[in-house]
Amino acid sequence: MPKTSGKKRTPKTKNKADIARTIEMMTKQYGPFSQEPRLPPIDEMVFTILSQHTSDINSSRAYRRLMERFVTLDAVASAEISEIETAIAPGGLAKIKAPRIKAVLNKVLELNGSLDLSFLREMPLNDAKAWLRQLPGIGPKSAGIVLSFSLGMPAMAIDTHIFRVSQRLGVIGPKVSVDKAHDILEDKVDPEEVFNFHVSYINHGRQVCRAQRPLCPECVVGALCPSRKKFMSKADLAELAAQEENTLAGSSGAPMPHFPQSETS
């Protein structure tokens, strides 16, 4: 009897065409999405720090309070940490975020001489990411948010929702780390689709493909999802397959991520 290899087969992941199809389907379900730059890159960076481990509403409130108190980020850079803490208190974790904000602003001033980061747009993507990642507390996700949302560059920014959806759909393998996912997905998603990928996948993760009890029967990309059978019984899967039409979950017009929301959002 021939010996069998002890190596486990690497799970097959979706190709670029399959991924493009999921982006198209989700964008139709949740979009359209506007890619107009919303904040200057240094403001986007500060807002990204404020958004960590809190809701969009709270981080938006903290950002507005910070700018109302100091008017400019140059003033924030020279302020006392205790003053920054007081201003951003509505966003939570102020004692952690205030020194981070001050440190990153002062490091940018040290390296660049000003807080204007628009020069990053003229750099190759990998060089721009490397420049941002030398700043204290700025990892792949934060760098990707600044480059994509503020400067319109095709940088990936993988948050917990995008990571979960990508793994469940088989876009990335089950053992891929979040950091590694940034590089893999930048290779698999066409540059002109990176923005739609980000916004559609994050909306899908928030509205439908939740960490607990995902809404698999109403999922717009359910037919393409290899994980659906993990969350549904065989009987439910058979019934779903027999249906001619499905009522799909998820709505368009959702708030855009990484942008200060109004008090009434």
C-alpha atoms as a PDB file:
ATOM      1  CA  MET A   1       0.000   0.000   0.000  1.00  0.00           C
ATOM      2  CA  PRO A   2       1.496   3.381  -0.943  1.00  0.00           C
ATOM      3  CA  LYS A   3       2.362   5.675   1.921  1.00  0.00           C
ATOM      4  CA  THR A   4       0.259   8.746   2.364  1.00  0.00           C
ATOM      5  CA  SER A   5       1.810  12.065   3.114  1.00  0.00           C
ATOM      6  CA  GLY A   6       1.437  13.293   6.673  1.00  0.00           C
ATOM      7  CA  LYS A   7       1.161  16.882   5.502  1.00  0.00           C
ATOM      8  CA  LYS A   8      -2.246  18.500   5.691  1.00  0.00           C
ATOM      9  CA  ARG A   9      -3.528  20.040   2.505  1.00  0.00           C
ATOM     10  CA  THR A  10      -3.509  23.851   2.580  1.00  0.00           C
ATOM     11  CA  PRO A  11      -7.111  25.117   2.407  1.00  0.00           C
ATOM     12  CA  LYS A  12      -7.986  26.563  -0.975  1.00  0.00           C
ATOM     13  CA  THR A  13      -8.717  30.275  -0.883  1.00  0.00           C
ATOM     14  CA  LYS A  14     -10.703  32.409  -3.292  1.00  0.00           C
ATOM     15  CA  ASN A  15      -9.031  33.807  -6.390  1.00  0.00           C
ATOM     16  CA  LYS A  16      -9.129  37.414  -7.557  1.00  0.00           C
ATOM     17  CA  ALA A  17     -12.212  36.851  -9.725  1.00  0.00           C
ATOM     18  CA  ASP A  18     -14.158  35.293  -6.834  1.00  0.00           C
ATOM     19  CA  ILE A  19     -13.172  38.135  -4.517  1.00  0.00           C
ATOM     20  CA  ALA A  20     -14.166  40.720  -7.119  1.00  0.00           C
ATOM     21  CA  ARG A  21     -17.591  39.034  -7.311  1.00  0.00           C
ATOM     22  CA  THR A  22     -18.092  39.294  -3.523  1.00  0.00           C
ATOM     23  CA  ILE A  23     -17.120  42.977  -3.621  1.00  0.00           C
ATOM     24  CA  GLU A  24     -19.595  43.597  -6.439  1.00  0.00           C
ATOM     25  CA  MET A  25     -22.419  41.827  -4.593  1.00  0.00           C
ATOM     26  CA  MET A  26     -21.764  43.547  -1.257  1.00  0.00           C
ATOM     27  CA  THR A  27     -21.323  46.972  -2.856  1.00  0.00           C
ATOM     28  CA  LYS A  28     -24.690  46.542  -4.570  1.00  0.00           C
ATOM     29  CA  GLN A  29     -26.233  45.545  -1.227  1.00  0.00           C
ATOM     30  CA  TYR A  30     -24.664  48.217   1.019  1.00  0.00           C
ATOM     31  CA  GLY A  31     -23.456  50.959  -1.335  1.00  0.00           C
ATOM     32  CA  PRO A  32     -22.853  53.050  -3.232  1.00  0.00           C
ATOM     33  CA  PHE A  33     -19.826  54.353  -1.347  1.00  0.00           C
ATOM     34  CA  SER A  34     -18.278  57.802  -1.713  1.00  0.00           C
ATOM     35  CA  GLN A  35     -14.495  57.878  -1.883  1.00  0.00           C
ATOM     36  CA  GLU A  36     -14.068  61.611  -1.422  1.00  0.00           C
ATOM     37  CA  PRO A  37     -11.252  62.303   1.097  1.00  0.00           C
ATOM     38  CA  ARG A  38     -12.821  63.341   4.371  1.00  0.00           C
ATOM     39  CA  LEU A  39     -10.008  64.389   6.730  1.00  0.00           C
ATOM     40  CA  PRO A  40      -6.398  65.514   6.210  1.00  0.00           C
ATOM     41  CA  PRO A  41      -4.019  62.579   6.826  1.00  0.00           C
ATOM     42  CA  ILE A  42      -2.755  63.768  10.209  1.00  0.00           C
ATOM     43  CA  ASP A  43      -6.345  64.315  11.396  1.00  0.00           C
ATOM     44  CA  GLU A  44      -7.263  60.857  10.086  1.00  0.00           C
ATOM     45  CA  MET A  45      -4.405  59.414  12.131  1.00  0.00           C
ATOM     46  CA  VAL A  46      -5.561  61.120  15.322  1.00  0.00           C
ATOM     47  CA  PHE A  47      -9.162  60.074  14.676  1.00  0.00           C
ATOM     48  CA  THR A  48      -7.985  56.490  14.135  1.00  0.00           C
ATOM     49  CA  ILE A  49      -6.314  56.503  17.555  1.00  0.00           C
ATOM     50  CA  LEU A  50      -9.475  57.901  19.110  1.00  0.00           C
ATOM     51  CA  SER A  51     -11.611  55.216  17.431  1.00  0.00           C
ATOM     52  CA  GLN A  52      -9.749  52.323  19.020  1.00  0.00           C
ATOM     53  CA  HIS A  53     -11.935  50.205  21.347  1.00  0.00           C
ATOM     54  CA  THR A  54     -14.930  52.533  21.244  1.00  0.00           C
ATOM     55  CA  SER A  55     -17.984  53.310  19.119  1.00  0.00           C
ATOM     56  CA  ASP A  56     -18.051  55.639  16.115  1.00  0.00           C
ATOM     57  CA  ILE A  57     -20.270  58.039  18.043  1.00  0.00           C
ATOM     58  CA  ASN A  58     -17.905  58.248  21.021  1.00  0.00           C
ATOM     59  CA  SER A  59     -14.784  58.655  18.904  1.00  0.00           C
ATOM     60  CA  SER A  60     -16.505  61.341  16.827  1.00  0.00           C
ATOM     61  CA  ARG A  61     -17.488  63.206  19.973  1.00  0.00           C
ATOM     62  CA  ALA A  62     -13.921  62.969  21.294  1.00  0.00           C
ATOM     63  CA  TYR A  63     -12.464  64.278  18.027  1.00  0.00           C
ATOM     64  CA  ARG A  64     -14.850  67.238  17.943  1.00  0.00           C
ATOM     65  CA  ARG A  65     -14.088  68.049  21.579  1.00  0.00           C
ATOM     66  CA  LEU A  66     -10.355  67.899  20.892  1.00  0.00           C
ATOM     67  CA  MET A  67     -10.568  70.290  17.944  1.00  0.00           C
ATOM     68  CA  GLU A  68     -12.941  72.643  19.739  1.00  0.00           C
ATOM     69  CA  ARG A  69     -10.506  72.844  22.645  1.00  0.00           C
ATOM     70  CA  PHE A  70      -7.249  73.222  20.686  1.00  0.00           C
ATOM     71  CA  VAL A  71      -8.375  74.290  17.161  1.00  0.00           C
ATOM     72  CA  THR A  72      -5.198  72.894  15.529  1.00  0.00           C
ATOM     73  CA  LEU A  73      -3.247  69.671  15.955  1.00  0.00           C
ATOM     74  CA  ASP A  74      -0.056  71.731  16.299  1.00  0.00           C
ATOM     75  CA  ALA A  75      -1.604  73.083  19.487  1.00  0.00           C
ATOM     76  CA  VAL A  76      -2.423  69.529  20.593  1.00  0.00           C
ATOM     77  CA  ALA A  77       1.207  68.515  20.019  1.00  0.00           C
ATOM     78  CA  SER A  78       2.420  71.181  22.440  1.00  0.00           C
ATOM     79  CA  ALA A  79      -0.367  70.707  25.016  1.00  0.00           C
ATOM     80  CA  GLU A  80      -0.058  68.939  28.340  1.00  0.00           C
ATOM     81  CA  ILE A  81      -1.186  65.316  28.301  1.00  0.00           C
ATOM     82  CA  SER A  82      -3.682  66.065  31.075  1.00  0.00           C
ATOM     83  CA  GLU A  83      -5.332  68.716  28.873  1.00  0.00           C
ATOM     84  CA  ILE A  84      -5.621  66.277  25.985  1.00  0.00           C
ATOM     85  CA  GLU A  85      -7.089  63.665  28.346  1.00  0.00           C
ATOM     86  CA  THR A  86      -9.812  66.042  29.459  1.00  0.00           C
ATOM     87  CA  ALA A  87     -10.734  66.952  25.887  1.00  0.00           C
ATOM     88  CA  ILE A  88     -10.993  63.375  24.611  1.00  0.00           C
ATOM     89  CA  ALA A  89     -12.618  61.869  27.719  1.00  0.00           C
ATOM     90  CA  PRO A  90     -15.940  61.095  25.912  1.00  0.00           C
ATOM     91  CA  GLY A  91     -14.102  58.622  23.674  1.00  0.00           C
ATOM     92  CA  GLY A  92     -12.925  56.407  26.532  1.00  0.00           C
ATOM     93  CA  LEU A  93      -9.413  55.212  27.433  1.00  0.00           C
ATOM     94  CA  ALA A  94      -8.271  58.844  27.535  1.00  0.00           C
ATOM     95  CA  LYS A  95      -5.269  58.075  29.760  1.00  0.00           C
ATOM     96  CA  ILE A  96      -3.955  55.687  27.100  1.00  0.00           C
ATOM     97  CA  LYS A  97      -4.945  57.617  23.978  1.00  0.00           C
ATOM     98  CA  ALA A  98      -3.805  61.094  25.093  1.00  0.00           C
ATOM     99  CA  PRO A  99      -0.090  60.230  25.392  1.00  0.00           C
ATOM    100  CA  ARG A 100      -0.308  58.230  22.144  1.00  0.00           C
ATOM    101  CA  ILE A 101      -1.731  61.217  20.293  1.00  0.00           C
ATOM    102  CA  LYS A 102       0.882  63.581  21.693  1.00  0.00           C
ATOM    103  CA  ALA A 103       3.711  61.136  20.939  1.00  0.00           C
ATOM    104  CA  VAL A 104       2.677  60.505  17.333  1.00  0.00           C
ATOM    105  CA  LEU A 105       2.168  64.211  16.592  1.00  0.00           C
ATOM    106  CA  ASN A 106       5.570  65.125  17.971  1.00  0.00           C
ATOM    107  CA  LYS A 107       7.263  62.279  16.101  1.00  0.00           C
ATOM    108  CA  VAL A 108       5.742  63.524  12.831  1.00  0.00           C
ATOM    109  CA  LEU A 109       7.009  67.019  13.611  1.00  0.00           C
ATOM    110  CA  GLU A 110      10.459  65.620  14.376  1.00  0.00           C
ATOM    111  CA  LEU A 111      10.659  63.620  11.138  1.00  0.00           C
ATOM    112  CA  ASN A 112       8.839  65.967   8.782  1.00  0.00           C
ATOM    113  CA  GLY A 113       9.079  69.466  10.234  1.00  0.00           C
ATOM    114  CA  SER A 114       5.310  69.879   9.941  1.00  0.00           C
ATOM    115  CA  LEU A 115       2.109  67.885  10.373  1.00  0.00           C
ATOM    116  CA  ASP A 116       1.375  67.946   6.632  1.00  0.00           C
ATOM    117  CA  LEU A 117       1.521  64.328   5.433  1.00  0.00           C
ATOM    118  CA  SER A 118       0.291  64.954   1.900  1.00  0.00           C
ATOM    119  CA  PHE A 119       3.775  64.057   0.582  1.00  0.00           C
ATOM    120  CA  LEU A 120       2.942  60.390   1.253  1.00  0.00           C
ATOM    121  CA  ARG A 121       0.649  60.403  -1.775  1.00  0.00           C
ATOM    122  CA  GLU A 122       3.683  60.785  -4.048  1.00  0.00           C
ATOM    123  CA  MET A 123       5.518  57.804  -2.558  1.00  0.00           C
ATOM    124  CA  PRO A 124       5.262  54.152  -3.634  1.00  0.00           C
ATOM    125  CA  LEU A 125       2.628  52.436  -1.484  1.00  0.00           C
ATOM    126  CA  ASN A 126       5.063  50.230   0.429  1.00  0.00           C
ATOM    127  CA  ASP A 127       7.318  53.212   1.180  1.00  0.00           C
ATOM    128  CA  ALA A 128       4.364  55.264   2.416  1.00  0.00           C
ATOM    129  CA  LYS A 129       3.269  52.414   4.680  1.00  0.00           C
ATOM    130  CA  ALA A 130       6.806  52.022   6.025  1.00  0.00           C
ATOM    131  CA  TRP A 131       7.031  55.755   6.757  1.00  0.00           C
ATOM    132  CA  LEU A 132       3.828  55.699   8.793  1.00  0.00           C
ATOM    133  CA  ARG A 133       4.720  52.494  10.616  1.00  0.00           C
ATOM    134  CA  GLN A 134       7.833  54.063  12.095  1.00  0.00           C
ATOM    135  CA  LEU A 135       5.526  56.271  14.156  1.00  0.00           C
ATOM    136  CA  PRO A 136       4.732  55.139  17.723  1.00  0.00           C
ATOM    137  CA  GLY A 137       1.615  52.969  17.918  1.00  0.00           C
ATOM    138  CA  ILE A 138       0.923  52.999  14.157  1.00  0.00           C
ATOM    139  CA  GLY A 139       0.520  49.468  12.790  1.00  0.00           C
ATOM    140  CA  PRO A 140      -0.676  48.098   9.435  1.00  0.00           C
ATOM    141  CA  LYS A 141      -4.341  48.887  10.073  1.00  0.00           C
ATOM    142  CA  SER A 142      -3.811  52.516  11.146  1.00  0.00           C
ATOM    143  CA  ALA A 143      -1.391  53.136   8.288  1.00  0.00           C
ATOM    144  CA  GLY A 144      -3.867  51.637   5.838  1.00  0.00           C
ATOM    145  CA  ILE A 145      -6.712  53.826   7.089  1.00  0.00           C
ATOM    146  CA  VAL A 146      -4.669  57.019   6.686  1.00  0.00           C
ATOM    147  CA  LEU A 147      -3.447  56.121   3.205  1.00  0.00           C
ATOM    148  CA  SER A 148      -6.762  54.791   1.899  1.00  0.00           C
ATOM    149  CA  PHE A 149      -9.339  57.079   3.457  1.00  0.00           C
ATOM    150  CA  SER A 150      -7.428  60.335   3.506  1.00  0.00           C
ATOM    151  CA  LEU A 151      -5.044  60.036   0.546  1.00  0.00           C
ATOM    152  CA  GLY A 152      -6.980  57.688  -1.736  1.00  0.00           C
ATOM    153  CA  MET A 153      -4.169  55.136  -1.977  1.00  0.00           C
ATOM    154  CA  PRO A 154      -4.948  51.396  -2.392  1.00  0.00           C
ATOM    155  CA  ALA A 155      -3.796  50.407   1.084  1.00  0.00           C
ATOM    156  CA  MET A 156      -5.540  47.679   3.065  1.00  0.00           C
ATOM    157  CA  ALA A 157      -6.801  48.355   6.586  1.00  0.00           C
ATOM    158  CA  ILE A 158      -7.950  45.091   8.144  1.00  0.00           C
ATOM    159  CA  ASP A 159     -10.133  45.422  11.219  1.00  0.00           C
ATOM    160  CA  THR A 160     -11.848  42.647  13.167  1.00  0.00           C
ATOM    161  CA  HIS A 161     -14.948  42.657  10.908  1.00  0.00           C
ATOM    162  CA  ILE A 162     -13.008  42.481   7.639  1.00  0.00           C
ATOM    163  CA  PHE A 163     -10.711  39.796   9.046  1.00  0.00           C
ATOM    164  CA  ARG A 164     -13.654  37.657  10.180  1.00  0.00           C
ATOM    165  CA  VAL A 165     -15.542  37.999   6.884  1.00  0.00           C
ATOM    166  CA  SER A 166     -12.387  37.275   4.861  1.00  0.00           C
ATOM    167  CA  GLN A 167     -11.703  34.083   6.786  1.00  0.00           C
ATOM    168  CA  ARG A 168     -15.294  32.834   6.674  1.00  0.00           C
ATOM    169  CA  LEU A 169     -15.545  33.485   2.936  1.00  0.00           C
ATOM    170  CA  GLY A 170     -12.241  31.738   2.317  1.00  0.00           C
ATOM    171  CA  VAL A 171     -10.587  34.868   0.982  1.00  0.00           C
ATOM    172  CA  ILE A 172      -7.660  34.182   3.336  1.00  0.00           C
ATOM    173  CA  GLY A 173      -6.643  30.992   5.077  1.00  0.00           C
ATOM    174  CA  PRO A 174      -7.742  30.079   8.611  1.00  0.00           C
ATOM    175  CA  LYS A 175      -4.249  30.454  10.072  1.00  0.00           C
ATOM    176  CA  VAL A 176      -3.346  33.783   8.491  1.00  0.00           C
ATOM    177  CA  SER A 177      -2.560  36.525  11.020  1.00  0.00           C
ATOM    178  CA  VAL A 178      -4.119  39.979  10.837  1.00  0.00           C
ATOM    179  CA  ASP A 179      -0.776  41.567   9.962  1.00  0.00           C
ATOM    180  CA  LYS A 180      -0.117  39.061   7.171  1.00  0.00           C
ATOM    181  CA  ALA A 181      -3.664  39.513   5.859  1.00  0.00           C
ATOM    182  CA  HIS A 182      -2.831  43.092   4.842  1.00  0.00           C
ATOM    183  CA  ASP A 183      -0.166  41.940   2.380  1.00  0.00           C
ATOM    184  CA  ILE A 184      -2.174  38.958   1.093  1.00  0.00           C
ATOM    185  CA  LEU A 185      -5.271  41.027   0.411  1.00  0.00           C
ATOM    186  CA  GLU A 186      -3.377  43.840  -1.284  1.00  0.00           C
ATOM    187  CA  ASP A 187      -2.155  41.196  -3.766  1.00  0.00           C
ATOM    188  CA  LYS A 188      -5.617  39.657  -4.233  1.00  0.00           C
ATOM    189  CA  VAL A 189      -7.741  42.798  -4.576  1.00  0.00           C
ATOM    190  CA  ASP A 190      -7.317  45.092  -7.569  1.00  0.00           C
ATOM    191  CA  PRO A 191      -6.096  48.558  -6.475  1.00  0.00           C
ATOM    192  CA  GLU A 192      -9.203  50.303  -7.811  1.00  0.00           C
ATOM    193  CA  GLU A 193     -11.393  47.989  -5.691  1.00  0.00           C
ATOM    194  CA  VAL A 194      -9.541  48.287  -2.358  1.00  0.00           C
ATOM    195  CA  PHE A 195     -11.818  51.059  -1.074  1.00  0.00           C
ATOM    196  CA  ASN A 196     -15.036  49.231  -2.005  1.00  0.00           C
ATOM    197  CA  PHE A 197     -13.595  46.023  -0.533  1.00  0.00           C
ATOM    198  CA  HIS A 198     -12.915  47.732   2.771  1.00  0.00           C
ATOM    199  CA  VAL A 199     -16.249  49.502   3.144  1.00  0.00           C
ATOM    200  CA  SER A 200     -18.402  46.641   1.850  1.00  0.00           C
ATOM    201  CA  TYR A 201     -16.689  43.991   3.966  1.00  0.00           C
ATOM    202  CA  ILE A 202     -16.812  46.098   7.129  1.00  0.00           C
ATOM    203  CA  ASN A 203     -20.532  46.781   6.614  1.00  0.00           C
ATOM    204  CA  HIS A 204     -21.151  43.099   5.949  1.00  0.00           C
ATOM    205  CA  GLY A 205     -19.318  42.141   9.132  1.00  0.00           C
ATOM    206  CA  ARG A 206     -21.249  44.650  11.214  1.00  0.00           C
ATOM    207  CA  GLN A 207     -24.708  43.972   9.794  1.00  0.00           C
ATOM    208  CA  VAL A 208     -24.768  40.324   8.739  1.00  0.00           C
ATOM    209  CA  CYS A 209     -21.604  38.277   9.273  1.00  0.00           C
ATOM    210  CA  ARG A 210     -21.482  38.919  13.000  1.00  0.00           C
ATOM    211  CA  ALA A 211     -19.089  37.198  15.353  1.00  0.00           C
ATOM    212  CA  GLN A 212     -22.015  35.570  17.156  1.00  0.00           C
ATOM    213  CA  ARG A 213     -25.089  34.252  15.343  1.00  0.00           C
ATOM    214  CA  PRO A 214     -24.352  35.445  11.777  1.00  0.00           C
ATOM    215  CA  LEU A 215     -27.410  35.891   9.566  1.00  0.00           C
ATOM    216  CA  CYS A 216     -26.406  33.190   7.087  1.00  0.00           C
ATOM    217  CA  PRO A 217     -29.877  32.553   5.541  1.00  0.00           C
ATOM    218  CA  GLU A 218     -30.158  36.221   4.502  1.00  0.00           C
ATOM    219  CA  CYS A 219     -26.515  36.707   3.436  1.00  0.00           C
ATOM    220  CA  VAL A 220     -25.969  38.291   0.022  1.00  0.00           C
ATOM    221  CA  VAL A 221     -22.816  36.211  -0.560  1.00  0.00           C
ATOM    222  CA  GLY A 222     -24.041  33.092   1.228  1.00  0.00           C
ATOM    223  CA  ALA A 223     -23.955  30.963  -1.910  1.00  0.00           C
ATOM    224  CA  LEU A 224     -20.217  31.682  -2.199  1.00  0.00           C
ATOM    225  CA  CYS A 225     -19.444  31.084   1.479  1.00  0.00           C
ATOM    226  CA  PRO A 226     -17.818  27.796   2.526  1.00  0.00           C
ATOM    227  CA  SER A 227     -18.518  28.568   6.201  1.00  0.00           C
ATOM    228  CA  ARG A 228     -22.293  28.716   5.887  1.00  0.00           C
ATOM    229  CA  LYS A 229     -22.627  24.999   6.666  1.00  0.00           C
ATOM    230  CA  LYS A 230     -20.910  25.568  10.027  1.00  0.00           C
ATOM    231  CA  PHE A 231     -23.722  27.841  11.186  1.00  0.00           C
ATOM    232  CA  MET A 232     -26.747  26.134   9.625  1.00  0.00           C
ATOM    233  CA  SER A 233     -28.240  22.668   9.951  1.00  0.00           C
ATOM    234  CA  LYS A 234     -28.472  20.348   6.936  1.00  0.00           C
ATOM    235  CA  ALA A 235     -32.236  20.739   6.931  1.00  0.00           C
ATOM    236  CA  ASP A 236     -31.989  24.525   6.911  1.00  0.00           C
ATOM    237  CA  LEU A 237     -29.406  24.405   4.139  1.00  0.00           C
ATOM    238  CA  ALA A 238     -31.633  22.153   2.037  1.00  0.00           C
ATOM    239  CA  GLU A 239     -34.646  24.398   2.590  1.00  0.00           C
ATOM    240  CA  LEU A 240     -32.619  27.467   1.697  1.00  0.00           C
ATOM    241  CA  ALA A 241     -31.323  25.850  -1.492  1.00  0.00           C
ATOM    242  CA  ALA A 242     -34.900  25.063  -2.542  1.00  0.00           C
ATOM    243  CA  GLN A 243     -36.045  28.650  -2.212  1.00  0.00           C
ATOM    244  CA  GLU A 244     -36.197  30.613  -5.428  1.00  0.00           C
ATOM    245  CA  GLU A 245     -35.675  33.953  -3.744  1.00  0.00           C
ATOM    246  CA  ASN A 246     -34.060  34.989  -0.463  1.00  0.00           C
ATOM    247  CA  THR A 247     -34.713  38.061   1.586  1.00  0.00           C
ATOM    248  CA  LEU A 248     -31.242  39.484   1.948  1.00  0.00           C
ATOM    249  CA  ALA A 249     -30.084  41.190   5.140  1.00  0.00           C
ATOM    250  CA  GLY A 250     -28.051  44.378   5.300  1.00  0.00           C
ATOM    251  CA  SER A 251     -29.021  47.878   4.271  1.00  0.00           C
ATOM    252  CA  SER A 252     -27.475  50.587   2.149  1.00  0.00           C
ATOM    253  CA  GLY A 253     -26.719  54.059   3.436  1.00  0.00           C
ATOM    254  CA  ALA A 254     -24.832  52.870   6.519  1.00  0.00           C
ATOM    255  CA  PRO A 255     -22.434  55.381   8.172  1.00  0.00           C
ATOM    256  CA  MET A 256     -19.019  55.396   6.547  1.00  0.00           C
ATOM    257  CA  PRO A 257     -16.271  53.973   8.759  1.00  0.00           C
ATOM    258  CA  HIS A 258     -13.265  56.061   9.832  1.00  0.00           C
ATOM    259  CA  PHE A 259     -15.102  59.363   9.569  1.00  0.00           C
ATOM    260  CA  PRO A 260     -16.480  61.537  12.399  1.00  0.00           C
ATOM    261  CA  GLN A 261     -20.219  61.007  12.705  1.00  0.00           C
ATOM    262  CA  SER A 262     -22.658  63.730  13.689  1.00  0.00           C
ATOM    263  CA  GLU A 263     -24.283  63.689  17.101  1.00  0.00           C
ATOM    264  CA  THR A 264     -27.531  62.512  15.470  1.00  0.00           C
ATOM    265  CA  SER A 265     -25.994  59.609  13.498  1.00  0.00           C
END
